Amino acid sequence: MRNSILVALLLVIAGASSACYAQSDIISKNALKYKQQQQQQRQQQQQKTNTDEVLKTAATMPQFPGGNAALMRFIAINLRYPQTAQDNNIQGKVVVQFVVTKTGQVGPVNVVRGVDPALDAEAVRVCKLLPDFNPGRNSAGEPVNVWYTLPINFRLQSAKSDQ
């Protein structure tokens, strides 16, 4: 009788043990599945971030249609020297920065180095008028977002040059 109880007890323990292993296996599979889902979500998020990333340089930098000479001509034609700056003889170089998007559009314009609020505002205004650029491209030839830094000089003609 003792032997049969001992055998029955061993069978119960073995059954419980295999049930624990099965349950442990299910938990491990669920944990692995969860971990894989988390990795996929991180990869998707990183891909999304990479497509919106703004580069400092690209294999092919963005170009104004017609090149730099056309860009300078556009600025010269559209720039209006603020009257307050003229009256106070304020001159200098305003450095602005903006993103040329992968579609070639000019993004929000920031003043990196200003001279005077009136000159800074005029530089920003003119940059917002810029037409679409030819977008920058990475080494694979795909369009990318690229920072573009542009110095704009404000110089008054002196009275001596008028003579």
Protein backbone atom coordinates (compact mmCIF):
# COMPACT_ATOMS: atom_id res chain seq x y z
CA MET A 1 0.00 0.00 0.00
CA ARG A 2 2.81 2.37 0.87
CA ASN A 3 4.44 1.66 -2.45
CA SER A 4 1.27 2.50 -4.36
CA ILE A 5 0.84 5.74 -2.38
CA LEU A 6 4.46 6.59 -3.04
CA VAL A 7 4.03 5.86 -6.77
CA ALA A 8 0.83 7.94 -6.88
CA LEU A 9 2.57 10.77 -5.07
CA LEU A 10 5.48 10.64 -7.52
CA LEU A 11 3.01 10.75 -10.44
CA VAL A 12 1.26 13.77 -8.93
CA ILE A 13 4.59 15.54 -8.38
CA ALA A 14 5.74 14.68 -11.90
CA GLY A 15 2.44 15.94 -13.34
CA ALA A 16 2.64 19.14 -11.33
CA SER A 17 6.23 19.58 -12.36
CA SER A 18 5.43 19.18 -16.05
CA ALA A 19 2.50 21.59 -15.64
CA CYS A 20 4.91 24.12 -14.09
CA TYR A 21 7.31 23.62 -16.98
CA ALA A 22 4.48 24.09 -19.48
CA GLN A 23 3.31 27.23 -17.69
CA SER A 24 6.89 28.51 -17.50
CA ASP A 25 7.29 27.84 -21.22
CA ILE A 26 4.11 29.85 -21.96
CA ILE A 27 5.37 32.73 -19.83
CA SER A 28 8.75 32.65 -21.61
CA LYS A 29 7.07 32.68 -25.02
CA ASN A 30 4.85 35.61 -23.99
CA ALA A 31 7.85 37.51 -22.62
CA LEU A 32 9.77 36.87 -25.86
CA LYS A 33 6.78 38.00 -27.93
CA TYR A 34 6.43 41.17 -25.82
CA LYS A 35 10.15 41.90 -26.17
CA GLN A 36 9.95 41.48 -29.95
CA GLN A 37 6.96 43.84 -30.11
CA GLN A 38 8.86 46.43 -28.07
CA GLN A 39 11.87 46.16 -30.41
CA GLN A 40 9.64 46.58 -33.47
CA GLN A 41 8.01 49.67 -31.95
CA ARG A 42 11.43 51.17 -31.16
CA GLN A 43 12.64 50.49 -34.71
CA GLN A 44 9.50 52.05 -36.20
CA GLN A 45 9.90 55.10 -33.97
CA GLN A 46 13.57 55.42 -34.91
CA GLN A 47 12.75 55.14 -38.63
CA LYS A 48 10.13 57.85 -38.20
CA THR A 49 12.64 60.01 -36.34
CA ASN A 50 15.32 59.40 -38.98
CA THR A 51 13.01 60.53 -41.77
CA ASP A 52 12.35 63.78 -39.89
CA GLU A 53 15.98 64.25 -38.92
CA VAL A 54 17.60 67.53 -39.96
CA LEU A 55 21.16 67.15 -41.20
CA LYS A 56 23.94 69.73 -40.93
CA THR A 57 25.46 68.55 -44.19
CA ALA A 58 24.32 66.26 -46.98
CA ALA A 59 26.02 64.55 -49.90
CA THR A 60 24.31 67.15 -52.10
CA MET A 61 23.48 70.37 -50.29
CA PRO A 62 20.25 72.26 -51.04
CA GLN A 63 20.58 74.79 -53.84
CA PHE A 64 18.63 77.89 -54.67
CA PRO A 65 17.23 77.70 -58.22
CA GLY A 66 19.84 79.45 -60.36
CA GLY A 67 22.61 79.04 -57.77
CA ASN A 68 24.13 81.39 -55.19
CA ALA A 69 24.24 84.35 -57.56
CA ALA A 70 20.48 84.09 -58.07
CA LEU A 71 19.98 83.81 -54.30
CA MET A 72 21.99 86.99 -53.68
CA ARG A 73 20.09 88.77 -56.46
CA PHE A 74 16.75 87.68 -54.93
CA ILE A 75 17.79 89.01 -51.53
CA ALA A 76 19.08 92.30 -52.99
CA ILE A 77 15.82 92.87 -54.89
CA ASN A 78 13.52 92.03 -51.98
CA LEU A 79 15.48 93.48 -49.06
CA ARG A 80 14.16 96.79 -47.70
CA TYR A 81 16.52 98.58 -45.36
CA PRO A 82 14.45 99.54 -42.27
CA GLN A 83 14.08 103.31 -41.94
CA THR A 84 14.91 103.28 -38.21
CA ALA A 85 18.18 101.49 -38.97
CA GLN A 86 18.98 104.02 -41.70
CA ASP A 87 18.23 106.95 -39.39
CA ASN A 88 20.48 105.51 -36.68
CA ASN A 89 23.20 104.44 -39.15
CA ILE A 90 22.93 100.79 -38.06
CA GLN A 91 24.80 98.32 -40.25
CA GLY A 92 26.03 94.76 -39.94
CA LYS A 93 25.63 91.14 -40.85
CA VAL A 94 22.56 89.18 -39.72
CA VAL A 95 23.04 85.42 -39.83
CA VAL A 96 19.84 83.41 -40.24
CA GLN A 97 19.29 79.68 -40.27
CA PHE A 98 16.41 77.60 -41.58
CA VAL A 99 15.66 74.08 -42.69
CA VAL A 100 15.33 73.30 -46.37
CA THR A 101 12.89 70.42 -46.20
CA LYS A 102 13.07 67.31 -48.32
CA THR A 103 10.42 68.94 -50.54
CA GLY A 104 12.61 72.04 -50.94
CA GLN A 105 10.47 74.35 -48.83
CA VAL A 106 12.02 76.87 -46.45
CA GLY A 107 11.16 76.00 -42.85
CA PRO A 108 10.91 78.40 -39.91
CA VAL A 109 13.65 81.03 -39.96
CA ASN A 110 15.80 81.67 -36.88
CA VAL A 111 18.26 84.48 -36.27
CA VAL A 112 21.57 82.92 -35.25
CA ARG A 113 23.44 86.22 -34.91
CA GLY A 114 21.57 89.48 -34.92
CA VAL A 115 22.55 93.11 -35.23
CA ASP A 116 19.43 95.12 -34.45
CA PRO A 117 15.79 94.03 -34.03
CA ALA A 118 14.74 95.92 -37.17
CA LEU A 119 17.51 94.40 -39.30
CA ASP A 120 16.89 90.94 -37.82
CA ALA A 121 13.17 91.15 -38.62
CA GLU A 122 13.89 92.25 -42.19
CA ALA A 123 16.30 89.35 -42.74
CA VAL A 124 13.66 86.90 -41.47
CA ARG A 125 10.98 88.50 -43.66
CA VAL A 126 13.09 88.16 -46.82
CA CYS A 127 13.95 84.53 -46.03
CA LYS A 128 10.27 83.72 -45.66
CA LEU A 129 9.78 85.01 -49.23
CA LEU A 130 12.36 82.61 -50.69
CA PRO A 131 10.98 80.22 -53.30
CA ASP A 132 11.51 76.48 -52.97
CA PHE A 133 15.09 75.24 -53.14
CA ASN A 134 16.33 72.12 -54.87
CA PRO A 135 16.39 69.85 -51.78
CA GLY A 136 19.53 68.34 -50.30
CA ARG A 137 20.15 64.66 -50.96
CA ASN A 138 21.90 61.93 -49.01
CA SER A 139 24.46 59.54 -50.49
CA ALA A 140 21.64 57.26 -51.69
CA GLY A 141 20.18 60.17 -53.68
CA GLU A 142 17.10 60.51 -51.47
CA PRO A 143 15.91 64.01 -50.50
CA VAL A 144 16.64 64.95 -46.88
CA ASN A 145 16.01 67.86 -44.51
CA VAL A 146 19.12 70.05 -44.23
CA TRP A 147 20.00 73.12 -42.15
CA TYR A 148 20.84 76.15 -44.28
CA THR A 149 22.75 79.10 -42.84
CA LEU A 150 22.61 82.40 -44.68
CA PRO A 151 24.46 85.64 -43.83
CA ILE A 152 22.67 88.81 -44.93
CA ASN A 153 24.73 92.01 -45.03
CA PHE A 154 23.17 95.38 -44.32
CA ARG A 155 25.41 98.23 -45.55
CA LEU A 156 24.51 101.86 -45.93
CA GLN A 157 26.04 103.85 -48.75
CA SER A 158 28.22 106.54 -47.25
CA ALA A 159 27.88 110.19 -48.22
CA LYS A 160 31.40 110.08 -49.72
CA SER A 161 30.39 107.54 -52.37
CA ASP A 162 27.59 109.86 -53.55
CA GLN A 163 30.08 112.60 -54.57
